[in-house]
Amino acid sequence: MDLTHLDEKDRPKMVDVGGKNPTRRVAVASGIISVSRDAFDAVVENRAKKGPVLQTAVIAAIMGAKKTPELIPMCHPLLLTGIDCDIEELPDVPGFKLYVTARLDGKTGVEMEALTGVSVGLLTIYDMLKAIDKGMQIKNIQLESKEGGKSGNYQRHG
């Protein structure tokens, strides 16, 4: 199997997508941060010292998705048409689940943008709560679904 990110001399390269036709592409990623009860309560009661944690995490997730090609070496700079974020409170964990949906009409997918957005958003929650809880865990960062492109649609099961 030939690796798409290596040239004929085994040097790294960015894949040329110039010959592909643009299609509608959507990717949804998610991840969880588990926190202490004190940290969870500080967030939901809006008394974290660094400010509104979840709102800041959403802004960070959007920024992370937009900056993906600056962070992941082989990602193409993309003209994203939309980024949506949703955060679910998980009182039984306790923690939060962040979802990022990235969209565009283009020649390459947006899975990495959605995954990077989730990662940066969750890291922001960690940063804003580390004075309360250094034992937080970020886990299960994963692609939930994708639409469009040559490989077709994907939906995580289970």
Protein backbone atom coordinates (compact mmCIF):
# COMPACT_ATOMS: atom_id res chain seq x y z
CA MET A 1 0.00 0.00 0.00
CA ASP A 2 1.38 3.39 -0.98
CA LEU A 3 1.30 6.07 1.69
CA THR A 4 -0.38 9.21 0.41
CA HIS A 5 1.76 11.62 2.44
CA LEU A 6 5.12 10.38 1.10
CA ASP A 7 6.54 11.12 -2.33
CA GLU A 8 8.45 8.68 -4.54
CA LYS A 9 11.61 9.35 -2.49
CA ASP A 10 9.82 8.74 0.82
CA ARG A 11 9.81 12.44 1.69
CA PRO A 12 6.76 13.94 3.44
CA LYS A 13 4.31 15.75 1.19
CA MET A 14 0.86 17.23 1.37
CA VAL A 15 -1.61 15.38 -0.84
CA ASP A 16 -2.61 17.25 -4.01
CA VAL A 17 -6.40 17.54 -4.00
CA GLY A 18 -6.49 19.86 -7.03
CA GLY A 19 -8.10 17.31 -9.32
CA LYS A 20 -10.96 16.45 -6.96
CA ASN A 21 -14.43 17.88 -7.30
CA PRO A 22 -15.77 19.88 -4.36
CA THR A 23 -18.50 18.21 -2.34
CA ARG A 24 -20.44 19.05 0.82
CA ARG A 25 -18.49 17.72 3.80
CA VAL A 26 -19.49 17.54 7.43
CA ALA A 27 -17.69 15.95 10.38
CA VAL A 28 -18.76 15.60 14.00
CA ALA A 29 -16.26 14.77 16.75
CA SER A 30 -16.62 14.49 20.50
CA GLY A 31 -14.59 14.06 23.65
CA ILE A 32 -15.06 13.94 27.39
CA ILE A 33 -13.33 15.59 30.31
CA SER A 34 -13.93 14.06 33.72
CA VAL A 35 -13.48 16.44 36.63
CA SER A 36 -13.88 16.44 40.41
CA ARG A 37 -17.26 17.23 41.93
CA ASP A 38 -15.86 20.58 43.16
CA ALA A 39 -14.69 21.51 39.66
CA PHE A 40 -17.99 20.41 38.10
CA ASP A 41 -19.99 22.44 40.60
CA ALA A 42 -17.78 25.50 40.04
CA VAL A 43 -18.54 25.33 36.31
CA VAL A 44 -22.30 24.77 36.49
CA GLU A 45 -22.66 27.39 39.25
CA ASN A 46 -20.47 29.81 37.21
CA ARG A 47 -18.01 30.46 40.02
CA ALA A 48 -14.73 29.40 38.41
CA LYS A 49 -12.13 32.09 39.06
CA LYS A 50 -10.97 32.27 35.43
CA GLY A 51 -14.46 33.12 34.18
CA PRO A 52 -17.17 31.33 32.17
CA VAL A 53 -15.55 27.97 31.49
CA LEU A 54 -17.95 26.44 28.99
CA GLN A 55 -18.38 29.60 26.93
CA THR A 56 -14.60 29.99 26.76
CA ALA A 57 -14.21 26.33 25.78
CA VAL A 58 -16.63 26.83 22.87
CA ILE A 59 -14.64 29.82 21.60
CA ALA A 60 -11.41 27.80 21.97
CA ALA A 61 -12.93 24.85 20.09
CA ILE A 62 -13.90 27.12 17.20
CA MET A 63 -10.42 28.66 17.15
CA GLY A 64 -8.81 25.21 17.31
CA ALA A 65 -10.84 23.98 14.34
CA LYS A 66 -9.89 27.07 12.33
CA LYS A 67 -6.17 26.69 13.15
CA THR A 68 -5.91 22.96 12.41
CA PRO A 69 -3.56 23.32 9.40
CA GLU A 70 -1.17 25.34 11.58
CA LEU A 71 -1.02 22.49 14.11
CA ILE A 72 -1.29 19.29 12.04
CA PRO A 73 1.48 19.30 9.40
CA MET A 74 -0.29 17.62 6.46
CA CYS A 75 -3.70 19.27 6.82
CA HIS A 76 -4.83 21.59 4.05
CA PRO A 77 -5.90 25.14 4.88
CA LEU A 78 -9.67 25.04 4.45
CA LEU A 79 -12.40 27.59 3.97
CA LEU A 80 -14.76 26.28 6.63
CA THR A 81 -18.37 27.32 6.11
CA GLY A 82 -19.49 26.53 9.65
CA ILE A 83 -18.40 25.28 13.05
CA ASP A 84 -20.91 24.37 15.75
CA CYS A 85 -20.15 23.34 19.32
CA ASP A 86 -22.28 21.78 21.99
CA ILE A 87 -21.35 20.86 25.55
CA GLU A 88 -23.29 18.28 27.51
CA GLU A 89 -23.10 18.29 31.30
CA LEU A 90 -22.40 14.82 32.69
CA PRO A 91 -23.24 15.10 36.41
CA ASP A 92 -22.83 11.36 37.03
CA VAL A 93 -19.21 11.31 35.73
CA PRO A 94 -18.83 14.22 36.77
CA GLY A 95 -17.63 15.98 33.66
CA PHE A 96 -18.51 17.41 30.29
CA LYS A 97 -18.82 16.06 26.76
CA LEU A 98 -17.90 18.45 23.96
CA TYR A 99 -19.16 18.03 20.39
CA VAL A 100 -17.74 19.94 17.44
CA THR A 101 -19.31 19.92 13.97
CA ALA A 102 -17.24 21.30 11.09
CA ARG A 103 -18.65 21.98 7.60
CA LEU A 104 -17.45 23.04 4.17
CA ASP A 105 -17.97 22.63 0.46
CA GLY A 106 -14.56 21.50 -0.67
CA LYS A 107 -12.11 18.93 -1.95
CA THR A 108 -10.99 17.42 1.36
CA GLY A 109 -12.66 16.39 4.58
CA VAL A 110 -13.07 18.22 7.86
CA GLU A 111 -12.53 15.36 10.31
CA MET A 112 -9.24 16.78 11.57
CA GLU A 113 -10.82 20.19 12.13
CA ALA A 114 -13.61 18.71 14.24
CA LEU A 115 -11.17 16.53 16.22
CA THR A 116 -8.74 19.42 16.79
CA GLY A 117 -11.61 21.65 17.89
CA VAL A 118 -12.67 19.07 20.49
CA SER A 119 -9.09 18.67 21.73
CA VAL A 120 -8.50 22.42 22.12
CA GLY A 121 -11.89 22.96 23.74
CA LEU A 122 -11.29 20.23 26.32
CA LEU A 123 -7.76 21.49 27.01
CA THR A 124 -9.27 24.90 27.68
CA ILE A 125 -11.60 23.44 30.28
CA TYR A 126 -8.58 21.76 31.86
CA ASP A 127 -6.64 25.04 31.88
CA MET A 128 -9.49 26.96 33.45
CA LEU A 129 -10.08 24.38 36.20
CA LYS A 130 -6.57 23.17 37.02
CA ALA A 131 -6.43 25.30 40.17
CA ILE A 132 -9.38 23.26 41.49
CA ASP A 133 -8.53 19.83 40.07
CA LYS A 134 -5.22 18.72 38.58
CA GLY A 135 -6.48 15.14 38.25
CA MET A 136 -8.90 15.80 35.39
CA GLN A 137 -8.86 13.32 32.51
CA ILE A 138 -9.47 14.03 28.86
CA LYS A 139 -10.65 10.91 27.06
CA ASN A 140 -12.58 9.39 24.20
CA ILE A 141 -11.76 12.03 21.61
CA GLN A 142 -13.30 10.44 18.55
CA LEU A 143 -14.97 10.96 15.21
CA GLU A 144 -18.72 10.48 15.58
CA SER A 145 -19.69 10.87 11.94
CA LYS A 146 -18.64 12.24 8.59
CA GLU A 147 -20.46 12.97 5.36
CA GLY A 148 -19.17 13.50 1.85
CA GLY A 149 -16.05 12.73 -0.08
CA LYS A 150 -14.81 9.70 -1.97
CA SER A 151 -14.87 7.39 1.05
CA GLY A 152 -18.54 8.20 1.70
CA ASN A 153 -20.35 8.50 4.97
CA TYR A 154 -19.30 7.17 8.36
CA GLN A 155 -21.33 6.81 11.56
CA ARG A 156 -19.84 5.55 14.83
CA HIS A 157 -21.85 2.71 16.34
CA GLY A 158 -22.10 2.14 20.06
